[in-house]
Amino acid sequence: YSLADTNDRAILQMNVVDVREAAGKSNNMERIGFEKKMD
């Protein structure tokens, strides 16, 4: 999951979420990655 500045398109945050962090549910990984980097 990546977060970038929309105006100048610079990557500001990025991380890899493993399905084990989402209790084995791959649908939840994107939300977990988003929340981690947003916080």
PDB file of all heavy atoms in Angstrom:
ATOM      1  N   TYR A   1       0.846  -1.195   0.000  1.00  0.00           N
ATOM      2  CA  TYR A   1       0.000   0.000   0.000  1.00  0.00           C
ATOM      3  C   TYR A   1       0.883   1.248   0.000  1.00  0.00           C
ATOM      4  O   TYR A   1       1.827   1.358   0.798  1.00  0.00           O
ATOM      5  CB  TYR A   1      -0.939   0.043   1.210  1.00  0.00           C
ATOM      6  CG  TYR A   1      -2.122   0.941   0.944  1.00  0.00           C
ATOM      7  CD1 TYR A   1      -3.277   0.435   0.361  1.00  0.00           C
ATOM      8  CD2 TYR A   1      -2.063   2.314   1.204  1.00  0.00           C
ATOM      9  CE1 TYR A   1      -4.342   1.253   0.060  1.00  0.00           C
ATOM     10  CE2 TYR A   1      -3.120   3.133   0.910  1.00  0.00           C
ATOM     11  CZ  TYR A   1      -4.264   2.598   0.339  1.00  0.00           C
ATOM     12  OH  TYR A   1      -5.311   3.431   0.017  1.00  0.00           O
ATOM     13  N   SER A   2       0.557   2.178  -0.902  1.00  0.00           N
ATOM     14  CA  SER A   2       1.365   3.383  -1.090  1.00  0.00           C
ATOM     15  C   SER A   2       0.501   4.621  -0.930  1.00  0.00           C
ATOM     16  O   SER A   2      -0.647   4.646  -1.364  1.00  0.00           O
ATOM     17  CB  SER A   2       2.005   3.394  -2.487  1.00  0.00           C
ATOM     18  OG  SER A   2       2.662   2.176  -2.761  1.00  0.00           O
ATOM     19  N   LEU A   3       1.073   5.653  -0.311  1.00  0.00           N
ATOM     20  CA  LEU A   3       0.446   6.971  -0.207  1.00  0.00           C
ATOM     21  C   LEU A   3       1.379   7.988  -0.842  1.00  0.00           C
ATOM     22  O   LEU A   3       2.583   7.998  -0.565  1.00  0.00           O
ATOM     23  CB  LEU A   3       0.174   7.343   1.254  1.00  0.00           C
ATOM     24  CG  LEU A   3      -1.034   6.683   1.925  1.00  0.00           C
ATOM     25  CD1 LEU A   3      -1.058   7.025   3.416  1.00  0.00           C
ATOM     26  CD2 LEU A   3      -2.332   7.119   1.278  1.00  0.00           C
ATOM     27  N   ALA A   4       0.818   8.838  -1.705  1.00  0.00           N
ATOM     28  CA  ALA A   4       1.638   9.787  -2.455  1.00  0.00           C
ATOM     29  C   ALA A   4       0.987  11.163  -2.451  1.00  0.00           C
ATOM     30  O   ALA A   4      -0.224  11.298  -2.245  1.00  0.00           O
ATOM     31  CB  ALA A   4       1.836   9.303  -3.891  1.00  0.00           C
ATOM     32  N   ASP A   5       1.804  12.184  -2.683  1.00  0.00           N
ATOM     33  CA  ASP A   5       1.310  13.549  -2.865  1.00  0.00           C
ATOM     34  C   ASP A   5       0.688  13.643  -4.254  1.00  0.00           C
ATOM     35  O   ASP A   5       1.357  13.417  -5.263  1.00  0.00           O
ATOM     36  CB  ASP A   5       2.467  14.541  -2.721  1.00  0.00           C
ATOM     37  CG  ASP A   5       2.005  15.989  -2.720  1.00  0.00           C
ATOM     38  OD1 ASP A   5       0.956  16.281  -3.338  1.00  0.00           O
ATOM     39  OD2 ASP A   5       2.683  16.832  -2.111  1.00  0.00           O
ATOM     40  N   THR A   6      -0.595  13.960  -4.320  1.00  0.00           N
ATOM     41  CA  THR A   6      -1.295  13.982  -5.608  1.00  0.00           C
ATOM     42  C   THR A   6      -0.751  15.058  -6.530  1.00  0.00           C
ATOM     43  O   THR A   6      -0.705  14.868  -7.752  1.00  0.00           O
ATOM     44  CB  THR A   6      -2.803  14.209  -5.375  1.00  0.00           C
ATOM     45  OG1 THR A   6      -3.304  13.187  -4.521  1.00  0.00           O
ATOM     46  CG2 THR A   6      -3.576  14.180  -6.686  1.00  0.00           C
ATOM     47  N   ASN A   7      -0.327  16.184  -5.985  1.00  0.00           N
ATOM     48  CA  ASN A   7       0.083  17.308  -6.826  1.00  0.00           C
ATOM     49  C   ASN A   7       1.419  17.069  -7.522  1.00  0.00           C
ATOM     50  O   ASN A   7       1.533  17.276  -8.741  1.00  0.00           O
ATOM     51  CB  ASN A   7       0.148  18.594  -5.994  1.00  0.00           C
ATOM     52  CG  ASN A   7      -1.231  19.039  -5.528  1.00  0.00           C
ATOM     53  OD1 ASN A   7      -2.234  18.826  -6.222  1.00  0.00           O
ATOM     54  ND2 ASN A   7      -1.306  19.652  -4.358  1.00  0.00           N
ATOM     55  N   ASP A   8       2.439  16.650  -6.788  1.00  0.00           N
ATOM     56  CA  ASP A   8       3.739  16.438  -7.432  1.00  0.00           C
ATOM     57  C   ASP A   8       4.107  14.957  -7.566  1.00  0.00           C
ATOM     58  O   ASP A   8       5.205  14.619  -7.985  1.00  0.00           O
ATOM     59  CB  ASP A   8       4.847  17.195  -6.697  1.00  0.00           C
ATOM     60  CG  ASP A   8       5.107  16.647  -5.303  1.00  0.00           C
ATOM     61  OD1 ASP A   8       4.449  15.656  -4.910  1.00  0.00           O
ATOM     62  OD2 ASP A   8       5.964  17.212  -4.607  1.00  0.00           O
ATOM     63  N   ARG A   9       3.179  14.044  -7.168  1.00  0.00           N
ATOM     64  CA  ARG A   9       3.304  12.607  -7.414  1.00  0.00           C
ATOM     65  C   ARG A   9       4.526  11.982  -6.741  1.00  0.00           C
ATOM     66  O   ARG A   9       5.162  11.076  -7.281  1.00  0.00           O
ATOM     67  CB  ARG A   9       3.337  12.328  -8.921  1.00  0.00           C
ATOM     68  CG  ARG A   9       2.113  12.868  -9.641  1.00  0.00           C
ATOM     69  CD  ARG A   9       2.121  12.542 -11.104  1.00  0.00           C
ATOM     70  NE  ARG A   9       0.875  12.978 -11.743  1.00  0.00           N
ATOM     71  CZ  ARG A   9       0.556  12.726 -13.009  1.00  0.00           C
ATOM     72  NH1 ARG A   9       1.394  12.048 -13.771  1.00  0.00           N
ATOM     73  NH2 ARG A   9      -0.592  13.162 -13.495  1.00  0.00           N
ATOM     74  N   ALA A  10       4.853  12.464  -5.558  1.00  0.00           N
ATOM     75  CA  ALA A  10       5.963  11.892  -4.790  1.00  0.00           C
ATOM     76  C   ALA A  10       5.420  10.861  -3.807  1.00  0.00           C
ATOM     77  O   ALA A  10       4.443  11.117  -3.096  1.00  0.00           O
ATOM     78  CB  ALA A  10       6.714  12.987  -4.047  1.00  0.00           C
ATOM     79  N   ILE A  11       6.059   9.685  -3.735  1.00  0.00           N
ATOM     80  CA  ILE A  11       5.667   8.654  -2.791  1.00  0.00           C
ATOM     81  C   ILE A  11       6.121   9.093  -1.403  1.00  0.00           C
ATOM     82  O   ILE A  11       7.308   9.329  -1.169  1.00  0.00           O
ATOM     83  CB  ILE A  11       6.299   7.294  -3.149  1.00  0.00           C
ATOM     84  CG1 ILE A  11       5.963   6.901  -4.598  1.00  0.00           C
ATOM     85  CG2 ILE A  11       5.819   6.216  -2.179  1.00  0.00           C
ATOM     86  CD1 ILE A  11       4.500   6.726  -4.879  1.00  0.00           C
ATOM     87  N   LEU A  12       5.180   9.199  -0.457  1.00  0.00           N
ATOM     88  CA  LEU A  12       5.483   9.659   0.896  1.00  0.00           C
ATOM     89  C   LEU A  12       5.498   8.533   1.921  1.00  0.00           C
ATOM     90  O   LEU A  12       6.183   8.633   2.940  1.00  0.00           O
ATOM     91  CB  LEU A  12       4.457  10.718   1.338  1.00  0.00           C
ATOM     92  CG  LEU A  12       4.349  11.971   0.460  1.00  0.00           C
ATOM     93  CD1 LEU A  12       3.300  12.914   1.043  1.00  0.00           C
ATOM     94  CD2 LEU A  12       5.690  12.680   0.341  1.00  0.00           C
ATOM     95  N   GLN A  13       4.712   7.495   1.688  1.00  0.00           N
ATOM     96  CA  GLN A  13       4.641   6.372   2.616  1.00  0.00           C
ATOM     97  C   GLN A  13       4.376   5.093   1.837  1.00  0.00           C
ATOM     98  O   GLN A  13       3.707   5.115   0.799  1.00  0.00           O
ATOM     99  CB  GLN A  13       3.521   6.568   3.642  1.00  0.00           C
ATOM    100  CG  GLN A  13       3.917   7.347   4.890  1.00  0.00           C
ATOM    101  CD  GLN A  13       4.796   6.525   5.822  1.00  0.00           C
ATOM    102  OE1 GLN A  13       5.571   5.679   5.403  1.00  0.00           O
ATOM    103  NE2 GLN A  13       4.697   6.792   7.113  1.00  0.00           N
ATOM    104  N   MET A  14       4.880   3.987   2.362  1.00  0.00           N
ATOM    105  CA  MET A  14       4.695   2.712   1.673  1.00  0.00           C
ATOM    106  C   MET A  14       4.994   1.580   2.660  1.00  0.00           C
ATOM    107  O   MET A  14       5.906   1.678   3.468  1.00  0.00           O
ATOM    108  CB  MET A  14       5.639   2.633   0.470  1.00  0.00           C
ATOM    109  CG  MET A  14       5.549   1.372  -0.350  1.00  0.00           C
ATOM    110  SD  MET A  14       6.769   1.404  -1.662  1.00  0.00           S
ATOM    111  CE  MET A  14       8.264   1.613  -0.704  1.00  0.00           C
ATOM    112  N   ASN A  15       4.201   0.519   2.584  1.00  0.00           N
ATOM    113  CA  ASN A  15       4.487  -0.648   3.404  1.00  0.00           C
ATOM    114  C   ASN A  15       3.866  -1.887   2.787  1.00  0.00           C
ATOM    115  O   ASN A  15       2.994  -1.791   1.919  1.00  0.00           O
ATOM    116  CB  ASN A  15       3.981  -0.460   4.841  1.00  0.00           C
ATOM    117  CG  ASN A  15       2.471  -0.565   4.937  1.00  0.00           C
ATOM    118  OD1 ASN A  15       1.754  -0.045   4.093  1.00  0.00           O
ATOM    119  ND2 ASN A  15       1.993  -1.222   5.969  1.00  0.00           N
ATOM    120  N   VAL A  16       4.336  -3.048   3.227  1.00  0.00           N
ATOM    121  CA  VAL A  16       3.818  -4.330   2.772  1.00  0.00           C
ATOM    122  C   VAL A  16       3.046  -4.966   3.920  1.00  0.00           C
ATOM    123  O   VAL A  16       3.567  -5.097   5.030  1.00  0.00           O
ATOM    124  CB  VAL A  16       4.953  -5.270   2.304  1.00  0.00           C
ATOM    125  CG1 VAL A  16       4.390  -6.639   1.953  1.00  0.00           C
ATOM    126  CG2 VAL A  16       5.665  -4.668   1.101  1.00  0.00           C
ATOM    127  N   VAL A  17       1.796  -5.352   3.655  1.00  0.00           N
ATOM    128  CA  VAL A  17       0.955  -6.015   4.652  1.00  0.00           C
ATOM    129  C   VAL A  17       0.899  -7.500   4.317  1.00  0.00           C
ATOM    130  O   VAL A  17       0.632  -7.874   3.175  1.00  0.00           O
ATOM    131  CB  VAL A  17      -0.461  -5.407   4.669  1.00  0.00           C
ATOM    132  CG1 VAL A  17      -1.327  -6.119   5.716  1.00  0.00           C
ATOM    133  CG2 VAL A  17      -0.407  -3.920   4.947  1.00  0.00           C
ATOM    134  N   ASP A  18       1.163  -8.343   5.313  1.00  0.00           N
ATOM    135  CA  ASP A  18       1.072  -9.787   5.166  1.00  0.00           C
ATOM    136  C   ASP A  18      -0.319 -10.235   5.593  1.00  0.00           C
ATOM    137  O   ASP A  18      -0.924  -9.659   6.507  1.00  0.00           O
ATOM    138  CB  ASP A  18       2.140 -10.464   6.030  1.00  0.00           C
ATOM    139  CG  ASP A  18       2.287 -11.950   5.737  1.00  0.00           C
ATOM    140  OD1 ASP A  18       1.378 -12.711   6.122  1.00  0.00           O
ATOM    141  OD2 ASP A  18       3.296 -12.342   5.127  1.00  0.00           O
ATOM    142  N   VAL A  19      -0.835 -11.270   4.951  1.00  0.00           N
ATOM    143  CA  VAL A  19      -2.181 -11.733   5.265  1.00  0.00           C
ATOM    144  C   VAL A  19      -2.292 -12.205   6.716  1.00  0.00           C
ATOM    145  O   VAL A  19      -3.395 -12.215   7.298  1.00  0.00           O
ATOM    146  CB  VAL A  19      -2.600 -12.851   4.284  1.00  0.00           C
ATOM    147  CG1 VAL A  19      -1.867 -14.153   4.591  1.00  0.00           C
ATOM    148  CG2 VAL A  19      -4.105 -13.078   4.294  1.00  0.00           C
ATOM    149  N   ARG A  20      -1.170 -12.561   7.337  1.00  0.00           N
ATOM    150  CA  ARG A  20      -1.191 -12.964   8.746  1.00  0.00           C
ATOM    151  C   ARG A  20      -1.543 -11.791   9.663  1.00  0.00           C
ATOM    152  O   ARG A  20      -2.054 -11.980  10.761  1.00  0.00           O
ATOM    153  CB  ARG A  20       0.158 -13.558   9.136  1.00  0.00           C
ATOM    154  CG  ARG A  20       0.385 -14.959   8.602  1.00  0.00           C
ATOM    155  CD  ARG A  20       1.803 -15.437   8.804  1.00  0.00           C
ATOM    156  NE  ARG A  20       2.710 -14.863   7.819  1.00  0.00           N
ATOM    157  CZ  ARG A  20       3.958 -15.277   7.596  1.00  0.00           C
ATOM    158  NH1 ARG A  20       4.445 -16.296   8.296  1.00  0.00           N
ATOM    159  NH2 ARG A  20       4.710 -14.716   6.682  1.00  0.00           N
ATOM    160  N   GLU A  21      -1.263 -10.567   9.196  1.00  0.00           N
ATOM    161  CA  GLU A  21      -1.645  -9.383   9.964  1.00  0.00           C
ATOM    162  C   GLU A  21      -3.133  -9.089   9.851  1.00  0.00           C
ATOM    163  O   GLU A  21      -3.668  -8.283  10.617  1.00  0.00           O
ATOM    164  CB  GLU A  21      -0.848  -8.171   9.473  1.00  0.00           C
ATOM    165  CG  GLU A  21       0.662  -8.319   9.588  1.00  0.00           C
ATOM    166  CD  GLU A  21       1.388  -7.140   8.987  1.00  0.00           C
ATOM    167  OE1 GLU A  21       1.237  -6.019   9.526  1.00  0.00           O
ATOM    168  OE2 GLU A  21       2.096  -7.319   7.976  1.00  0.00           O
ATOM    169  N   ALA A  22      -3.806  -9.717   8.893  1.00  0.00           N
ATOM    170  CA  ALA A  22      -5.234  -9.507   8.670  1.00  0.00           C
ATOM    171  C   ALA A  22      -6.047 -10.729   9.068  1.00  0.00           C
ATOM    172  O   ALA A  22      -7.128 -10.963   8.522  1.00  0.00           O
ATOM    173  CB  ALA A  22      -5.490  -9.163   7.205  1.00  0.00           C
ATOM    174  N   ALA A  23      -5.527 -11.523   9.983  1.00  0.00           N
ATOM    175  CA  ALA A  23      -6.200 -12.735  10.464  1.00  0.00           C
ATOM    176  C   ALA A  23      -6.538 -13.687   9.329  1.00  0.00           C
ATOM    177  O   ALA A  23      -7.563 -14.366   9.354  1.00  0.00           O
ATOM    178  CB  ALA A  23      -7.471 -12.368  11.237  1.00  0.00           C
ATOM    179  N   GLY A  24      -5.671 -13.720   8.315  1.00  0.00           N
ATOM    180  CA  GLY A  24      -5.868 -14.642   7.199  1.00  0.00           C
ATOM    181  C   GLY A  24      -6.870 -14.187   6.169  1.00  0.00           C
ATOM    182  O   GLY A  24      -7.168 -14.938   5.232  1.00  0.00           O
ATOM    183  N   LYS A  25      -7.413 -12.973   6.292  1.00  0.00           N
ATOM    184  CA  LYS A  25      -8.419 -12.473   5.354  1.00  0.00           C
ATOM    185  C   LYS A  25      -7.777 -11.439   4.425  1.00  0.00           C
ATOM    186  O   LYS A  25      -7.508 -10.309   4.823  1.00  0.00           O
ATOM    187  CB  LYS A  25      -9.590 -11.850   6.107  1.00  0.00           C
ATOM    188  CG  LYS A  25     -10.314 -12.835   7.024  1.00  0.00           C
ATOM    189  CD  LYS A  25     -11.430 -12.160   7.799  1.00  0.00           C
ATOM    190  CE  LYS A  25     -12.133 -13.146   8.726  1.00  0.00           C
ATOM    191  NZ  LYS A  25     -13.209 -12.498   9.516  1.00  0.00           N
ATOM    192  N   SER A  26      -7.539 -11.842   3.174  1.00  0.00           N
ATOM    193  CA  SER A  26      -6.824 -10.974   2.247  1.00  0.00           C
ATOM    194  C   SER A  26      -7.611  -9.713   1.897  1.00  0.00           C
ATOM    195  O   SER A  26      -7.021  -8.692   1.532  1.00  0.00           O
ATOM    196  CB  SER A  26      -6.482 -11.747   0.967  1.00  0.00           C
ATOM    197  OG  SER A  26      -7.657 -12.259   0.362  1.00  0.00           O
ATOM    198  N   ASN A  27      -8.950  -9.759   2.006  1.00  0.00           N
ATOM    199  CA  ASN A  27      -9.751  -8.570   1.704  1.00  0.00           C
ATOM    200  C   ASN A  27      -9.478  -7.422   2.666  1.00  0.00           C
ATOM    201  O   ASN A  27      -9.740  -6.259   2.340  1.00  0.00           O
ATOM    202  CB  ASN A  27     -11.245  -8.917   1.754  1.00  0.00           C
ATOM    203  CG  ASN A  27     -11.696  -9.711   0.555  1.00  0.00           C
ATOM    204  OD1 ASN A  27     -11.022  -9.735  -0.468  1.00  0.00           O
ATOM    205  ND2 ASN A  27     -12.823 -10.379   0.662  1.00  0.00           N
ATOM    206  N   ASN A  28      -8.977  -7.739   3.861  1.00  0.00           N
ATOM    207  CA  ASN A  28      -8.746  -6.701   4.872  1.00  0.00           C
ATOM    208  C   ASN A  28      -7.369  -6.055   4.765  1.00  0.00           C
ATOM    209  O   ASN A  28      -7.101  -5.075   5.454  1.00  0.00           O
ATOM    210  CB  ASN A  28      -8.905  -7.294   6.279  1.00  0.00           C
ATOM    211  CG  ASN A  28     -10.305  -7.800   6.539  1.00  0.00           C
ATOM    212  OD1 ASN A  28     -11.252  -7.395   5.868  1.00  0.00           O
ATOM    213  ND2 ASN A  28     -10.455  -8.702   7.499  1.00  0.00           N
ATOM    214  N   MET A  29      -6.486  -6.604   3.923  1.00  0.00           N
ATOM    215  CA  MET A  29      -5.105  -6.116   3.900  1.00  0.00           C
ATOM    216  C   MET A  29      -5.003  -4.678   3.426  1.00  0.00           C
ATOM    217  O   MET A  29      -4.230  -3.887   3.974  1.00  0.00           O
ATOM    218  CB  MET A  29      -4.246  -7.025   3.008  1.00  0.00           C
ATOM    219  CG  MET A  29      -4.008  -8.405   3.583  1.00  0.00           C
ATOM    220  SD  MET A  29      -2.681  -9.284   2.750  1.00  0.00           S
ATOM    221  CE  MET A  29      -3.359  -9.457   1.105  1.00  0.00           C
ATOM    222  N   GLU A  30      -5.783  -4.311   2.406  1.00  0.00           N
ATOM    223  CA  GLU A  30      -5.687  -2.948   1.871  1.00  0.00           C
ATOM    224  C   GLU A  30      -6.130  -1.923   2.905  1.00  0.00           C
ATOM    225  O   GLU A  30      -5.512  -0.871   3.055  1.00  0.00           O
ATOM    226  CB  GLU A  30      -6.527  -2.821   0.594  1.00  0.00           C
ATOM    227  CG  GLU A  30      -6.311  -1.508  -0.134  1.00  0.00           C
ATOM    228  CD  GLU A  30      -6.826  -1.529  -1.559  1.00  0.00           C
ATOM    229  OE1 GLU A  30      -7.122  -2.624  -2.071  1.00  0.00           O
ATOM    230  OE2 GLU A  30      -6.931  -0.455  -2.163  1.00  0.00           O
ATOM    231  N   ARG A  31      -7.176  -2.237   3.649  1.00  0.00           N
ATOM    232  CA  ARG A  31      -7.642  -1.319   4.696  1.00  0.00           C
ATOM    233  C   ARG A  31      -6.609  -1.172   5.799  1.00  0.00           C
ATOM    234  O   ARG A  31      -6.359  -0.072   6.301  1.00  0.00           O
ATOM    235  CB  ARG A  31      -8.972  -1.820   5.249  1.00  0.00           C
ATOM    236  CG  ARG A  31      -9.680  -0.841   6.199  1.00  0.00           C
ATOM    237  CD  ARG A  31      -9.434  -1.196   7.656  1.00  0.00           C
ATOM    238  NE  ARG A  31      -9.828  -2.562   7.927  1.00  0.00           N
ATOM    239  CZ  ARG A  31      -9.437  -3.219   9.000  1.00  0.00           C
ATOM    240  NH1 ARG A  31      -8.617  -2.663   9.888  1.00  0.00           N
ATOM    241  NH2 ARG A  31      -9.816  -4.479   9.200  1.00  0.00           N
ATOM    242  N   ILE A  32      -5.955  -2.286   6.173  1.00  0.00           N
ATOM    243  CA  ILE A  32      -4.927  -2.236   7.218  1.00  0.00           C
ATOM    244  C   ILE A  32      -3.734  -1.396   6.757  1.00  0.00           C
ATOM    245  O   ILE A  32      -3.213  -0.559   7.502  1.00  0.00           O
ATOM    246  CB  ILE A  32      -4.484  -3.666   7.592  1.00  0.00           C
ATOM    247  CG1 ILE A  32      -5.621  -4.403   8.299  1.00  0.00           C
ATOM    248  CG2 ILE A  32      -3.237  -3.640   8.474  1.00  0.00           C
ATOM    249  CD1 ILE A  32      -5.335  -5.871   8.552  1.00  0.00           C
ATOM    250  N   GLY A  33      -3.284  -1.612   5.507  1.00  0.00           N
ATOM    251  CA  GLY A  33      -2.179  -0.825   4.981  1.00  0.00           C
ATOM    252  C   GLY A  33      -2.510   0.652   4.911  1.00  0.00           C
ATOM    253  O   GLY A  33      -1.685   1.513   5.232  1.00  0.00           O
ATOM    254  N   PHE A  34      -3.727   0.967   4.510  1.00  0.00           N
ATOM    255  CA  PHE A  34      -4.171   2.363   4.429  1.00  0.00           C
ATOM    256  C   PHE A  34      -4.159   3.015   5.809  1.00  0.00           C
ATOM    257  O   PHE A  34      -3.629   4.123   5.988  1.00  0.00           O
ATOM    258  CB  PHE A  34      -5.584   2.412   3.830  1.00  0.00           C
ATOM    259  CG  PHE A  34      -6.239   3.761   3.910  1.00  0.00           C
ATOM    260  CD1 PHE A  34      -5.970   4.731   2.969  1.00  0.00           C
ATOM    261  CD2 PHE A  34      -7.143   4.052   4.922  1.00  0.00           C
ATOM    262  CE1 PHE A  34      -6.571   5.979   3.037  1.00  0.00           C
ATOM    263  CE2 PHE A  34      -7.760   5.291   4.996  1.00  0.00           C
ATOM    264  CZ  PHE A  34      -7.476   6.251   4.047  1.00  0.00           C
ATOM    265  N   GLU A  35      -4.731   2.339   6.798  1.00  0.00           N
ATOM    266  CA  GLU A  35      -4.839   2.932   8.132  1.00  0.00           C
ATOM    267  C   GLU A  35      -3.468   3.135   8.767  1.00  0.00           C
ATOM    268  O   GLU A  35      -3.212   4.159   9.407  1.00  0.00           O
ATOM    269  CB  GLU A  35      -5.708   2.040   9.020  1.00  0.00           C
ATOM    270  CG  GLU A  35      -6.057   2.669  10.362  1.00  0.00           C
ATOM    271  CD  GLU A  35      -7.081   1.863  11.139  1.00  0.00           C
ATOM    272  OE1 GLU A  35      -7.369   0.719  10.738  1.00  0.00           O
ATOM    273  OE2 GLU A  35      -7.595   2.374  12.143  1.00  0.00           O
ATOM    274  N   LYS A  36      -2.557   2.173   8.596  1.00  0.00           N
ATOM    275  CA  LYS A  36      -1.215   2.300   9.158  1.00  0.00           C
ATOM    276  C   LYS A  36      -0.509   3.546   8.635  1.00  0.00           C
ATOM    277  O   LYS A  36       0.064   4.330   9.390  1.00  0.00           O
ATOM    278  CB  LYS A  36      -0.384   1.056   8.822  1.00  0.00           C
ATOM    279  CG  LYS A  36      -0.629  -0.142   9.720  1.00  0.00           C
ATOM    280  CD  LYS A  36       0.333  -1.254   9.349  1.00  0.00           C
ATOM    281  CE  LYS A  36       0.204  -2.450  10.285  1.00  0.00           C
ATOM    282  NZ  LYS A  36       1.170  -3.519   9.927  1.00  0.00           N
ATOM    283  N   LYS A  37      -0.537   3.717   7.339  1.00  0.00           N
ATOM    284  CA  LYS A  37       0.196   4.831   6.740  1.00  0.00           C
ATOM    285  C   LYS A  37      -0.501   6.165   6.968  1.00  0.00           C
ATOM    286  O   LYS A  37       0.148   7.201   7.137  1.00  0.00           O
ATOM    287  CB  LYS A  37       0.377   4.588   5.234  1.00  0.00           C
ATOM    288  CG  LYS A  37       1.191   3.344   4.902  1.00  0.00           C
ATOM    289  CD  LYS A  37       2.614   3.439   5.423  1.00  0.00           C
ATOM    290  CE  LYS A  37       2.886   2.672   6.691  1.00  0.00           C
ATOM    291  NZ  LYS A  37       4.278   2.711   7.161  1.00  0.00           N
ATOM    292  N   MET A  38      -1.842   6.163   6.970  1.00  0.00           N
ATOM    293  CA  MET A  38      -2.574   7.401   7.245  1.00  0.00           C
ATOM    294  C   MET A  38      -2.279   7.903   8.655  1.00  0.00           C
ATOM    295  O   MET A  38      -2.072   9.108   8.874  1.00  0.00           O
ATOM    296  CB  MET A  38      -4.071   7.164   7.073  1.00  0.00           C
ATOM    297  CG  MET A  38      -4.558   7.192   5.646  1.00  0.00           C
ATOM    298  SD  MET A  38      -4.617   8.865   4.963  1.00  0.00           S
ATOM    299  CE  MET A  38      -5.991   9.560   5.877  1.00  0.00           C
ATOM    300  N   ASP A  39      -2.252   7.006   9.618  1.00  0.00           N
ATOM    301  CA  ASP A  39      -2.009   7.411  10.999  1.00  0.00           C
ATOM    302  C   ASP A  39      -0.620   8.021  11.165  1.00  0.00           C
ATOM    303  O   ASP A  39      -0.413   8.915  11.997  1.00  0.00           O
ATOM    304  CB  ASP A  39      -2.172   6.213  11.937  1.00  0.00           C
ATOM    305  CG  ASP A  39      -3.625   5.766  12.049  1.00  0.00           C
ATOM    306  OD1 ASP A  39      -4.510   6.488  11.536  1.00  0.00           O
ATOM    307  OD2 ASP A  39      -3.883   4.690  12.622  1.00  0.00           O
TER     308      ASP A  39
END
